[in-house]
Amino acid sequence: MRLFKTSSTPELIDGPIKYYDLINWWQSAFTEEERARMIAVYQPMGSGIGMGAENSAPENHLTEGDLEWSSADILGFLSTLAGWFNNKHDRLIAKKILDKAASFIPETKSILSVHFLYQALIETYYPDRDNPDALSSAIEACKNQIKIAGAAAKAFRREYPQDQQLPGHKGYEQLAIIFEKQSDYEEAINTCQKAMKQGWSGDWQHRIERCLKRMNNKG
């Protein structure tokens, strides 16, 4: 839940950018056009571009209003913010946001916030996989999410004890897909087996059987 007070000085930076102490980053990391785009696109209250009165300006949920309290830590806020820009037109903005978020990993206490940040990194970089650097970044994010998978599983079970099973795991899933596309079926199988052993939901057995079949056909 987030509480806002109307700002009487809209030229000053308030809102989440001030609350999370991101003013210097906001001013230095983005161009004026990018900042305007971010304000227009980020509409968590449901207004959105093209909604409301014709030619009306979008509400500013980033640098206006006095955010007094938020349930999200800075990783949660930035990961969510980046998701609004994960498309082919705005993905550079998303990557800038996630790169900033990653700098807060060492001081973050919530393992689930880190888990979801790595998921956001995978989902942002993998669509540009034809670029070797983007593919490398996606693979690195997969491996980093897998490194904390055991701790994340414990945190999920502790925070959501009513759930009968763990959710899906983007890192394991995406890495298995990458290995399979590279015809590295043995590594794809190993990845699926590790995910299954930890209890993450997914079509692991189906992928294992397909990779085994392809290994046999290849041989």
Protein backbone atom coordinates (compact mmCIF):
# COMPACT_ATOMS: atom_id res chain seq x y z
CA MET A 1 0.00 0.00 0.00
CA ARG A 2 1.30 3.47 -0.89
CA LEU A 3 0.08 6.75 0.50
CA PHE A 4 0.49 10.03 -1.37
CA LYS A 5 0.00 13.65 -0.49
CA THR A 6 -0.57 16.09 -3.32
CA SER A 7 2.59 18.04 -3.97
CA SER A 8 2.19 21.84 -4.08
CA THR A 9 5.57 22.19 -5.81
CA PRO A 10 5.44 19.91 -8.89
CA GLU A 11 8.77 21.26 -10.12
CA LEU A 12 10.45 19.56 -7.16
CA ILE A 13 11.17 15.85 -7.19
CA ASP A 14 8.99 13.89 -4.81
CA GLY A 15 7.20 10.55 -5.00
CA PRO A 16 9.00 7.18 -5.16
CA ILE A 17 12.11 8.69 -6.75
CA LYS A 18 12.64 10.81 -3.65
CA TYR A 19 11.40 8.16 -1.21
CA TYR A 20 13.97 5.61 -2.44
CA ASP A 21 16.74 8.25 -2.61
CA LEU A 22 17.07 7.94 -6.39
CA ILE A 23 17.08 11.61 -7.37
CA ASN A 24 20.69 11.78 -8.55
CA TRP A 25 20.26 8.57 -10.56
CA TRP A 26 17.00 9.81 -12.05
CA GLN A 27 18.63 13.03 -13.21
CA SER A 28 21.90 11.54 -14.48
CA ALA A 29 20.99 8.14 -15.93
CA PHE A 30 18.14 9.25 -18.21
CA THR A 31 17.68 11.89 -20.86
CA GLU A 32 14.88 14.41 -20.57
CA GLU A 33 12.97 12.47 -23.21
CA GLU A 34 13.43 9.19 -21.32
CA ARG A 35 12.20 10.73 -18.08
CA ALA A 36 9.12 12.07 -19.84
CA ARG A 37 8.52 8.65 -21.36
CA MET A 38 8.86 6.94 -17.98
CA ILE A 39 6.36 9.31 -16.37
CA ALA A 40 3.91 8.75 -19.24
CA VAL A 41 4.19 4.95 -19.24
CA TYR A 42 4.36 4.20 -15.51
CA GLN A 43 0.70 4.38 -14.52
CA PRO A 44 0.22 1.92 -11.62
CA MET A 45 -3.07 3.48 -10.64
CA GLY A 46 -4.60 2.37 -13.92
CA SER A 47 -4.78 5.64 -15.83
CA GLY A 48 -2.30 4.75 -18.56
CA ILE A 49 -1.55 6.40 -21.89
CA GLY A 50 -4.60 7.05 -23.97
CA MET A 51 -7.00 6.89 -21.04
CA GLY A 52 -8.96 9.76 -19.56
CA ALA A 53 -9.73 13.05 -21.25
CA GLU A 54 -8.39 13.65 -24.74
CA ASN A 55 -4.95 15.31 -24.75
CA SER A 56 -4.81 15.10 -20.95
CA ALA A 57 -1.37 14.66 -19.44
CA PRO A 58 -0.67 11.33 -17.70
CA GLU A 59 -0.50 11.33 -13.94
CA ASN A 60 3.03 11.51 -12.57
CA HIS A 61 3.49 8.56 -10.20
CA LEU A 62 7.28 8.80 -10.13
CA THR A 63 8.30 12.30 -9.09
CA GLU A 64 5.11 13.84 -7.71
CA GLY A 65 3.23 13.21 -4.50
CA ASP A 66 4.63 12.53 -1.06
CA LEU A 67 5.20 8.79 -0.67
CA GLU A 68 5.10 8.27 3.09
CA TRP A 69 5.32 4.49 3.20
CA SER A 70 5.73 1.51 0.87
CA SER A 71 5.67 -2.23 1.48
CA ALA A 72 8.21 -2.74 -1.34
CA ASP A 73 11.95 -2.49 -0.79
CA ILE A 74 14.03 -0.71 -3.41
CA LEU A 75 14.66 -3.92 -5.40
CA GLY A 76 10.94 -4.63 -5.48
CA PHE A 77 10.16 -1.10 -6.63
CA LEU A 78 12.82 -1.05 -9.35
CA SER A 79 12.01 -4.56 -10.60
CA THR A 80 8.35 -3.60 -10.90
CA LEU A 81 9.19 -0.30 -12.55
CA ALA A 82 11.40 -2.02 -15.13
CA GLY A 83 8.54 -4.31 -16.08
CA TRP A 84 6.62 -1.36 -17.50
CA PHE A 85 9.37 -0.86 -20.08
CA ASN A 86 10.14 -4.43 -21.11
CA ASN A 87 9.21 -4.04 -24.77
CA LYS A 88 11.24 -3.54 -27.92
CA HIS A 89 10.73 0.24 -27.86
CA ASP A 90 11.61 0.90 -24.20
CA ARG A 91 13.92 -1.97 -23.29
CA LEU A 92 16.97 0.29 -22.93
CA ILE A 93 15.12 2.09 -20.14
CA ALA A 94 14.28 -1.24 -18.50
CA LYS A 95 17.93 -2.30 -18.63
CA LYS A 96 19.07 0.97 -17.03
CA ILE A 97 16.56 0.46 -14.23
CA LEU A 98 17.61 -3.14 -13.61
CA ASP A 99 21.31 -2.31 -13.71
CA LYS A 100 20.65 0.21 -10.94
CA ALA A 101 18.60 -2.33 -9.01
CA ALA A 102 21.44 -4.86 -9.17
CA SER A 103 23.71 -2.42 -7.34
CA PHE A 104 21.51 -2.81 -4.25
CA ILE A 105 21.75 -6.62 -4.06
CA PRO A 106 24.55 -6.66 -1.42
CA GLU A 107 22.50 -4.60 1.03
CA THR A 108 19.13 -6.28 0.41
CA LYS A 109 17.77 -8.45 3.21
CA SER A 110 14.94 -10.08 1.23
CA ILE A 111 16.10 -13.11 -0.74
CA LEU A 112 12.79 -13.08 -2.62
CA SER A 113 13.43 -9.53 -3.82
CA VAL A 114 16.75 -10.71 -5.22
CA HIS A 115 15.06 -13.78 -6.74
CA PHE A 116 12.52 -11.62 -8.58
CA LEU A 117 15.18 -9.13 -9.67
CA TYR A 118 17.09 -11.93 -11.39
CA GLN A 119 13.83 -13.04 -13.00
CA ALA A 120 13.28 -9.50 -14.30
CA LEU A 121 16.83 -9.43 -15.67
CA ILE A 122 16.26 -12.72 -17.51
CA GLU A 123 12.96 -11.55 -18.96
CA THR A 124 14.48 -8.26 -20.08
CA TYR A 125 17.73 -9.48 -21.64
CA TYR A 126 16.67 -12.78 -23.22
CA PRO A 127 14.35 -11.21 -25.85
CA ASP A 128 17.50 -9.60 -27.32
CA ARG A 129 19.32 -12.96 -27.38
CA ASP A 130 20.49 -12.44 -30.96
CA ASN A 131 22.90 -9.95 -29.42
CA PRO A 132 25.70 -12.01 -27.80
CA ASP A 133 26.08 -9.55 -24.93
CA ALA A 134 22.36 -9.70 -24.14
CA LEU A 135 22.39 -13.50 -24.25
CA SER A 136 25.41 -13.56 -21.96
CA SER A 137 23.62 -11.24 -19.50
CA ALA A 138 20.53 -13.47 -19.57
CA ILE A 139 22.61 -16.60 -18.90
CA GLU A 140 24.43 -14.87 -16.06
CA ALA A 141 21.11 -13.86 -14.50
CA CYS A 142 19.84 -17.46 -14.82
CA LYS A 143 22.91 -18.80 -13.06
CA ASN A 144 22.72 -16.16 -10.34
CA GLN A 145 19.07 -16.97 -9.67
CA ILE A 146 19.90 -20.67 -9.53
CA LYS A 147 22.68 -19.99 -7.01
CA ILE A 148 20.13 -18.65 -4.52
CA ALA A 149 17.39 -21.14 -5.48
CA GLY A 150 17.72 -23.16 -2.28
CA ALA A 151 17.43 -20.10 -0.06
CA ALA A 152 14.59 -18.73 -2.20
CA ALA A 153 12.69 -22.03 -1.90
CA LYS A 154 12.92 -21.86 1.90
CA ALA A 155 11.74 -18.25 1.83
CA PHE A 156 8.76 -19.11 -0.40
CA ARG A 157 7.70 -21.94 1.91
CA ARG A 158 8.11 -19.74 4.96
CA GLU A 159 6.18 -16.79 3.50
CA TYR A 160 3.50 -18.84 1.72
CA PRO A 161 3.01 -21.94 3.92
CA GLN A 162 -0.48 -22.49 2.51
CA ASP A 163 0.88 -23.24 -0.97
CA GLN A 164 1.34 -26.93 -1.70
CA GLN A 165 4.24 -26.47 -4.11
CA LEU A 166 6.77 -23.92 -5.22
CA PRO A 167 6.08 -21.69 -8.23
CA GLY A 168 7.99 -21.92 -11.47
CA HIS A 169 11.64 -20.91 -11.59
CA LYS A 170 12.60 -18.69 -14.52
CA GLY A 171 16.33 -19.25 -14.14
CA TYR A 172 16.14 -23.04 -14.32
CA GLU A 173 13.55 -22.92 -17.10
CA GLN A 174 15.35 -20.40 -19.30
CA LEU A 175 18.75 -22.01 -18.85
CA ALA A 176 17.32 -25.41 -19.79
CA ILE A 177 15.81 -23.84 -22.91
CA ILE A 178 19.12 -22.26 -23.83
CA PHE A 179 21.03 -25.53 -23.38
CA GLU A 180 18.46 -27.38 -25.45
CA LYS A 181 18.65 -24.80 -28.25
CA GLN A 182 22.43 -25.20 -28.18
CA SER A 183 21.99 -29.00 -28.47
CA ASP A 184 23.68 -29.40 -25.09
CA TYR A 185 21.08 -31.94 -24.02
CA GLU A 186 23.07 -33.31 -21.10
CA GLU A 187 23.27 -29.91 -19.43
CA ALA A 188 19.60 -29.26 -20.18
CA ILE A 189 18.71 -32.54 -18.46
CA ASN A 190 20.94 -31.77 -15.47
CA THR A 191 19.31 -28.36 -15.11
CA CYS A 192 15.82 -29.86 -15.15
CA GLN A 193 16.78 -32.53 -12.64
CA LYS A 194 18.11 -29.93 -10.20
CA ALA A 195 14.91 -27.91 -10.51
CA MET A 196 12.79 -31.02 -9.90
CA LYS A 197 14.86 -32.02 -6.87
CA GLN A 198 14.33 -28.62 -5.27
CA GLY A 199 10.60 -28.79 -5.93
CA TRP A 200 10.11 -25.96 -8.44
CA SER A 201 7.04 -26.29 -10.63
CA GLY A 202 7.56 -26.90 -14.33
CA ASP A 203 7.35 -29.39 -17.19
CA TRP A 204 10.76 -30.74 -16.24
CA GLN A 205 10.05 -34.40 -16.91
CA HIS A 206 8.64 -33.66 -20.35
CA ARG A 207 11.73 -31.63 -21.26
CA ILE A 208 14.02 -34.37 -19.93
CA GLU A 209 12.30 -36.99 -22.05
CA ARG A 210 12.50 -34.79 -25.14
CA CYS A 211 16.21 -34.12 -24.59
CA LEU A 212 16.89 -37.83 -24.06
CA LYS A 213 15.12 -38.61 -27.33
CA ARG A 214 17.13 -36.00 -29.17
CA MET A 215 20.36 -37.27 -27.64
CA ASN A 216 19.56 -40.78 -28.88
CA ASN A 217 18.67 -39.50 -32.35
CA LYS A 218 21.85 -37.45 -32.45
CA GLY A 219 23.95 -40.47 -31.55
